[in-house]
């Protein structure tokens, strides 16, 4: 199905994508622009906690049986994407088992920032997605990372308790689960008290974060050497197929078109925050730089510019 030109243009000229582009340009012209590490950490904490709070409020309205079904579907999605990424890395990229498993952990997991960008895109269209999707980010991330590490080691016994703890207690999981809990306990009335801090400032904070992401992504691409063309094909085609497949699954399980598109985007994204930390701890001998270059330098901008509007257009077509 052809993607609406209006959707692509609307996405490309949005402040979020333009801020990412500015970061890329800043690196290309060797500007001295830098965002301090402490500010980077603050922006990440702010964004993750914000979407957790919003999802927690929505969580109160979802029956337990429906939530359980969605968690199961999402967990299966993570296992499918991690397995397919492993097989593609082994047979298409010709990676050794260790590197293929590390790549699978990155591409089976989820980029919370890509998820946020997809949410914001549907909101700009006046079609906000279901808040329950925030809970599914965690359900997608943890099993996929653990499977990728197990594939790298050749068995589940290669994933130690320390590594499992690292995944479960990582920054992304703690902030999203904590935000969900706070939002669910406080409810809409309680969260309204912090609306000015966590929701009205959200777009501006996201722009700053995307500016930094643009600079980091440009830096990663400079390091791309071995098998650049094959890696670029892998990091665009495989996520795109995942996105189309799981946008369809999202439609089947009853999400709105916006929700199905955001679900597809989640599954099509690749982690460059939680997965790298876990891979460094469990697979110190793996080529982590190659994984991050693929996830952040290729898949992230691809989804930002092309993937998200494509999944939104496809979900709208499915709903007709």
Protein backbone atom coordinates (compact mmCIF):
# COMPACT_ATOMS: atom_id res chain seq x y z
CA UNK A 1 0.00 0.00 0.00
CA UNK A 2 1.41 3.43 -0.91
CA UNK A 3 2.26 5.65 2.04
CA UNK A 4 0.56 9.04 2.08
CA UNK A 5 3.01 11.76 1.06
CA UNK A 6 1.26 14.08 3.50
CA UNK A 7 2.02 11.68 6.36
CA UNK A 8 5.70 11.45 5.44
CA UNK A 9 6.04 15.21 5.07
CA UNK A 10 4.17 15.85 8.34
CA UNK A 11 6.54 13.51 10.12
CA UNK A 12 9.71 14.88 8.54
CA UNK A 13 8.86 18.50 9.39
CA UNK A 14 7.77 17.77 12.96
CA UNK A 15 9.90 19.43 15.67
CA UNK A 16 11.02 16.02 17.02
CA UNK A 17 12.43 14.79 13.70
CA UNK A 18 13.90 18.19 12.83
CA UNK A 19 15.69 18.28 16.19
CA UNK A 20 17.18 14.86 15.40
CA UNK A 21 18.28 16.19 12.01
CA UNK A 22 19.89 19.21 13.65
CA UNK A 23 21.93 16.87 15.84
CA UNK A 24 23.12 14.94 12.76
CA UNK A 25 24.09 18.21 11.02
CA UNK A 26 25.93 19.42 14.12
CA UNK A 27 28.12 16.32 14.02
CA UNK A 28 28.56 16.50 10.23
CA UNK A 29 29.94 20.05 10.42
CA UNK A 30 32.01 19.19 13.52
CA UNK A 31 30.24 21.71 15.72
CA UNK A 32 31.33 21.97 19.36
CA UNK A 33 27.69 21.55 20.40
CA UNK A 34 27.44 19.06 23.28
CA UNK A 35 24.76 18.07 25.77
CA UNK A 36 26.43 17.21 29.10
CA UNK A 37 26.11 13.65 30.35
CA UNK A 38 24.17 14.77 33.40
CA UNK A 39 21.58 16.52 31.19
CA UNK A 40 21.36 13.45 28.94
CA UNK A 41 20.62 11.26 31.98
CA UNK A 42 18.03 13.74 33.28
CA UNK A 43 16.20 13.91 29.94
CA UNK A 44 16.06 10.11 29.74
CA UNK A 45 14.72 9.81 33.30
CA UNK A 46 12.14 12.55 32.66
CA UNK A 47 10.78 11.01 29.45
CA UNK A 48 10.58 7.44 30.75
CA UNK A 49 8.88 8.48 33.99
CA UNK A 50 6.44 10.72 32.09
CA UNK A 51 5.20 7.99 29.79
CA UNK A 52 5.07 5.57 32.72
CA UNK A 53 2.79 7.96 34.64
CA UNK A 54 0.52 8.40 31.64
CA UNK A 55 0.32 4.66 31.10
CA UNK A 56 -0.41 4.04 34.76
CA UNK A 57 -3.52 6.22 34.64
CA UNK A 58 -4.74 4.26 31.59
CA UNK A 59 -3.94 0.96 33.34
CA UNK A 60 -6.78 1.52 35.81
CA UNK A 61 -9.33 1.27 32.99
CA UNK A 62 -8.10 -2.04 31.50
CA UNK A 63 -9.66 -5.34 32.71
CA UNK A 64 -7.09 -7.82 34.02
CA UNK A 65 -7.98 -10.50 31.44
CA UNK A 66 -7.41 -8.09 28.55
CA UNK A 67 -4.12 -6.93 30.03
CA UNK A 68 -2.92 -10.52 30.48
CA UNK A 69 -3.72 -11.35 26.84
CA UNK A 70 -1.81 -8.30 25.59
CA UNK A 71 1.21 -9.11 27.77
CA UNK A 72 1.29 -12.67 26.40
CA UNK A 73 1.02 -11.44 22.79
CA UNK A 74 3.77 -8.87 23.40
CA UNK A 75 6.08 -11.42 25.04
CA UNK A 76 5.64 -13.73 22.06
CA UNK A 77 6.39 -10.78 19.75
CA UNK A 78 9.69 -10.17 21.55
CA UNK A 79 10.67 -13.83 21.30
CA UNK A 80 9.79 -13.96 17.58
CA UNK A 81 11.77 -10.81 16.74
CA UNK A 82 14.80 -11.88 18.77
CA UNK A 83 14.81 -15.31 17.08
CA UNK A 84 14.39 -13.89 13.58
CA UNK A 85 17.12 -11.29 14.22
CA UNK A 86 19.46 -14.06 15.41
CA UNK A 87 18.81 -16.21 12.35
CA UNK A 88 19.20 -13.25 9.98
CA UNK A 89 22.45 -12.21 11.67
CA UNK A 90 23.81 -15.74 11.40
CA UNK A 91 22.83 -16.46 7.81
CA UNK A 92 22.65 -13.03 6.14
CA UNK A 93 25.31 -11.06 8.03
CA UNK A 94 27.41 -14.21 8.59
CA UNK A 95 28.03 -13.27 12.22
CA UNK A 96 29.44 -15.70 14.74
CA UNK A 97 27.02 -17.01 17.37
CA UNK A 98 28.19 -14.53 20.03
CA UNK A 99 27.67 -11.44 17.87
CA UNK A 100 24.43 -12.81 16.40
CA UNK A 101 23.02 -13.27 19.91
CA UNK A 102 24.07 -9.75 20.88
CA UNK A 103 22.34 -8.38 17.77
CA UNK A 104 19.24 -10.45 18.60
CA UNK A 105 19.10 -8.92 22.09
CA UNK A 106 19.16 -5.42 20.58
CA UNK A 107 16.63 -6.08 17.81
CA UNK A 108 14.28 -8.21 19.89
CA UNK A 109 14.10 -5.53 22.57
CA UNK A 110 12.47 -2.11 22.25
CA UNK A 111 13.56 1.50 21.93
CA UNK A 112 11.51 3.52 24.40
CA UNK A 113 12.37 6.70 22.49
CA UNK A 114 11.03 5.28 19.22
CA UNK A 115 7.89 4.29 21.13
CA UNK A 116 7.55 7.86 22.43
CA UNK A 117 8.06 9.28 18.92
CA UNK A 118 5.31 7.01 17.55
CA UNK A 119 2.94 8.04 20.35
CA UNK A 120 3.61 11.70 19.66
CA UNK A 121 3.09 11.22 15.93
CA UNK A 122 -0.38 9.70 16.41
CA UNK A 123 -1.27 12.42 18.92
CA UNK A 124 -0.33 15.12 16.41
CA UNK A 125 -2.78 13.45 14.01
CA UNK A 126 -5.48 13.72 16.67
CA UNK A 127 -5.54 9.95 17.19
CA UNK A 128 -3.86 9.16 20.53
CA UNK A 129 -2.94 5.52 21.10
CA UNK A 130 -3.95 3.40 24.08
CA UNK A 131 -2.08 4.21 27.29
CA UNK A 132 -1.80 0.50 28.10
CA UNK A 133 0.95 0.24 25.48
CA UNK A 134 3.42 1.62 28.03
CA UNK A 135 3.06 -1.55 30.11
CA UNK A 136 3.76 -3.60 26.99
CA UNK A 137 7.12 -1.89 26.44
CA UNK A 138 8.42 -3.70 29.53
CA UNK A 139 6.82 -7.00 28.48
CA UNK A 140 8.59 -6.69 25.12
CA UNK A 141 11.98 -5.69 26.44
CA UNK A 142 12.90 -8.17 29.16
CA UNK A 143 12.19 -11.62 27.57
CA UNK A 144 13.75 -10.59 24.24
CA UNK A 145 17.03 -9.49 25.82
CA UNK A 146 17.27 -12.68 27.88
CA UNK A 147 16.58 -14.84 24.80
CA UNK A 148 19.25 -13.01 22.79
CA UNK A 149 21.80 -13.61 25.53
CA UNK A 150 20.82 -17.27 25.78
CA UNK A 151 21.18 -17.72 22.01
CA UNK A 152 24.63 -16.14 22.19
CA UNK A 153 25.72 -18.57 24.90
CA UNK A 154 24.07 -21.56 23.28
CA UNK A 155 21.75 -22.29 26.20
CA UNK A 156 19.66 -20.61 28.88
CA UNK A 157 22.24 -21.67 31.46
CA UNK A 158 24.55 -19.03 29.97
CA UNK A 159 22.32 -16.31 31.40
CA UNK A 160 23.24 -15.88 35.05
CA UNK A 161 21.10 -14.54 37.86
CA UNK A 162 23.25 -11.40 37.86
CA UNK A 163 22.42 -10.74 34.22
CA UNK A 164 18.70 -11.31 34.78
CA UNK A 165 18.83 -8.87 37.67
CA UNK A 166 20.66 -6.35 35.47
CA UNK A 167 17.88 -6.55 32.87
CA UNK A 168 14.98 -6.40 35.33
CA UNK A 169 16.44 -3.59 37.45
CA UNK A 170 17.77 -1.52 34.54
CA UNK A 171 16.84 2.14 34.27
CA UNK A 172 14.20 1.67 31.57
CA UNK A 173 12.35 -1.12 33.40
CA UNK A 174 12.47 0.60 36.81
CA UNK A 175 11.24 3.98 35.53
CA UNK A 176 8.48 2.55 33.34
CA UNK A 177 7.23 0.08 35.95
CA UNK A 178 7.58 2.68 38.71
CA UNK A 179 5.75 5.30 36.66
CA UNK A 180 3.00 2.81 35.84
CA UNK A 181 2.58 2.01 39.53
CA UNK A 182 2.50 5.68 40.58
CA UNK A 183 0.03 6.57 37.82
CA UNK A 184 -2.23 3.61 38.59
CA UNK A 185 -2.25 4.30 42.34
CA UNK A 186 -2.66 8.09 42.08
CA UNK A 187 -5.21 8.09 39.24
CA UNK A 188 -5.98 10.98 36.95
CA UNK A 189 -6.85 13.37 39.77
CA UNK A 190 -3.55 12.79 41.51
CA UNK A 191 -1.50 13.03 38.30
CA UNK A 192 -3.22 16.32 37.36
CA UNK A 193 -1.26 17.94 40.20
CA UNK A 194 2.00 17.37 38.33
CA UNK A 195 0.61 18.02 34.85
CA UNK A 196 2.67 21.20 34.35
CA UNK A 197 5.91 19.38 35.09
CA UNK A 198 5.56 16.04 33.36
CA UNK A 199 3.11 16.63 30.51
CA UNK A 200 3.16 20.28 29.44
CA UNK A 201 6.98 20.25 29.26
CA UNK A 202 7.13 16.86 27.55
CA UNK A 203 7.47 18.07 23.95
CA UNK A 204 10.30 20.48 24.74
CA UNK A 205 12.22 17.85 26.70
CA UNK A 206 11.73 15.35 23.87
CA UNK A 207 13.18 17.84 21.37
CA UNK A 208 16.34 18.24 23.46
CA UNK A 209 16.66 14.48 23.79
CA UNK A 210 16.26 13.99 20.05
CA UNK A 211 18.90 16.64 19.38
CA UNK A 212 21.30 14.58 21.46
CA UNK A 213 20.19 11.36 19.74
CA UNK A 214 20.97 12.91 16.37
CA UNK A 215 24.52 13.68 17.45
CA UNK A 216 25.02 10.21 18.92
CA UNK A 217 23.58 8.49 15.83
CA UNK A 218 25.85 10.47 13.51
CA UNK A 219 28.85 9.53 15.64
CA UNK A 220 27.90 5.84 15.45
CA UNK A 221 27.63 5.90 11.66
CA UNK A 222 31.20 7.19 11.39
CA UNK A 223 32.37 3.94 12.98
CA UNK A 224 30.63 1.75 10.39
CA UNK A 225 33.25 -0.18 8.43
CA UNK A 226 32.80 -3.96 7.96
CA UNK A 227 29.86 -5.05 5.78
CA UNK A 228 28.22 -1.62 5.86
CA UNK A 229 25.74 -2.31 3.04
CA UNK A 230 24.60 -5.66 4.43
CA UNK A 231 24.21 -4.18 7.90
CA UNK A 232 22.13 -1.31 6.50
CA UNK A 233 19.84 -3.78 4.70
CA UNK A 234 19.52 -5.90 7.85
CA UNK A 235 18.79 -2.90 10.08
CA UNK A 236 16.03 -1.54 7.83
CA UNK A 237 14.37 -4.50 6.10
CA UNK A 238 14.07 -6.80 9.13
CA UNK A 239 12.57 -4.12 11.45
CA UNK A 240 10.23 -3.02 8.65
CA UNK A 241 8.92 -6.58 8.25
CA UNK A 242 8.51 -6.84 12.02
CA UNK A 243 6.62 -3.54 12.03
CA UNK A 244 4.18 -4.57 9.28
CA UNK A 245 3.59 -8.01 10.83
CA UNK A 246 2.91 -6.73 14.34
CA UNK A 247 0.84 -3.74 13.22
CA UNK A 248 -1.38 -6.45 11.72
CA UNK A 249 -1.31 -8.39 15.01
CA UNK A 250 -2.17 -5.18 16.89
CA UNK A 251 -5.20 -4.74 14.63
CA UNK A 252 -6.26 -8.35 15.24
CA UNK A 253 -6.10 -8.05 19.04
CA UNK A 254 -8.37 -5.01 18.99
CA UNK A 255 -6.16 -1.93 19.16
CA UNK A 256 -7.35 1.26 17.50
CA UNK A 257 -5.48 2.10 14.26
CA UNK A 258 -3.20 4.44 16.25
CA UNK A 259 -2.60 1.76 18.88
CA UNK A 260 -1.86 -0.90 16.26
CA UNK A 261 0.65 1.41 14.56
CA UNK A 262 2.40 2.22 17.84
CA UNK A 263 2.48 -1.49 18.74
CA UNK A 264 4.03 -2.26 15.35
CA UNK A 265 6.57 0.52 15.86
CA UNK A 266 7.52 -0.86 19.27
CA UNK A 267 8.25 -4.27 17.80
CA UNK A 268 10.08 -2.73 14.82
CA UNK A 269 12.39 -0.70 17.05
CA UNK A 270 15.77 -1.78 18.39
CA UNK A 271 17.13 -1.08 21.86
CA UNK A 272 20.20 1.10 22.31
CA UNK A 273 19.87 1.78 26.06
CA UNK A 274 18.79 -1.34 27.96
CA UNK A 275 20.19 -4.00 25.60
CA UNK A 276 23.73 -2.54 25.36
CA UNK A 277 24.05 -2.48 29.15
CA UNK A 278 22.92 -6.10 29.40
CA UNK A 279 25.15 -7.25 26.54
CA UNK A 280 28.19 -5.53 28.05
CA UNK A 281 27.57 -7.36 31.32
CA UNK A 282 26.84 -10.82 29.86
CA UNK A 283 28.80 -10.84 26.58
CA UNK A 284 31.90 -8.68 27.06
CA UNK A 285 33.54 -10.35 24.05
CA UNK A 286 30.70 -9.42 21.64
CA UNK A 287 31.03 -6.50 19.20
CA UNK A 288 28.72 -4.13 21.07
CA UNK A 289 29.68 -1.15 18.89
CA UNK A 290 28.35 -2.88 15.76
CA UNK A 291 25.06 -3.62 17.54
CA UNK A 292 24.60 -0.02 18.68
CA UNK A 293 25.55 1.34 15.25
CA UNK A 294 22.85 -0.80 13.63
CA UNK A 295 20.19 -0.01 16.27
CA UNK A 296 20.86 3.69 16.80
CA UNK A 297 22.65 4.76 13.63
CA UNK A 298 20.40 2.96 11.13
CA UNK A 299 17.16 1.51 12.55
CA UNK A 300 16.29 4.48 14.75
CA UNK A 301 16.41 7.19 12.04
CA UNK A 302 14.75 4.81 9.55
CA UNK A 303 11.78 4.31 11.88
CA UNK A 304 11.70 7.98 12.76
CA UNK A 305 11.54 9.17 9.14
CA UNK A 306 9.84 6.32 7.26
CA UNK A 307 8.73 3.48 9.53
CA UNK A 308 6.31 5.32 11.81
CA UNK A 309 4.25 7.06 9.10
CA UNK A 310 4.21 3.80 7.10
CA UNK A 311 2.84 1.78 10.03
CA UNK A 312 0.25 4.49 10.73
CA UNK A 313 -0.91 4.48 7.08
CA UNK A 314 -0.98 0.68 7.02
CA UNK A 315 -3.01 0.50 10.28
CA UNK A 316 -5.51 3.00 8.87
CA UNK A 317 -5.83 0.85 5.73
CA UNK A 318 -6.44 -2.28 7.83
CA UNK A 319 -9.21 -0.50 9.74
CA UNK A 320 -11.15 0.49 6.63
